[in-house]
């Protein structure tokens, strides 16, 4: 069964950090571009970050640049998102996703969530004092 499972979400104070993980099973994550998206109720899904198959290309949404870092460990079939200097506006459900459309740049994929084949179930991140 093909599956992506996120973990690492939770409640954190403003200025704090969290590290999200996304474990893939049933397929080789290394064959896919992968990304993180987030969504707040009533709003569209927002691209947070995307990374190429080898990890040599990354891209970030403007709202998280300089604060979030995406990485992957293909040997462990796992994707990560290190989130630092968190703000209340980062509160959302965070989803990881995998795309077989590796011919697209990471900047383009970040704007096209419909080009991702597989999605995780999401993990809640709440930034509040």
Foldseek 3Di string as FASTA:
>chain_A
DWAKAKDWADEAAAQAKIKMKIAIPPDQLLLWKKFKWWDDPPDDIAGAKIAASVRPAMDGDPVQPPFKDWDDDRVRRMIMIIGGNDDQVVWTWMKMFTANPRVDHRVVCSVPVVRTDHMHPTDTHGYHD
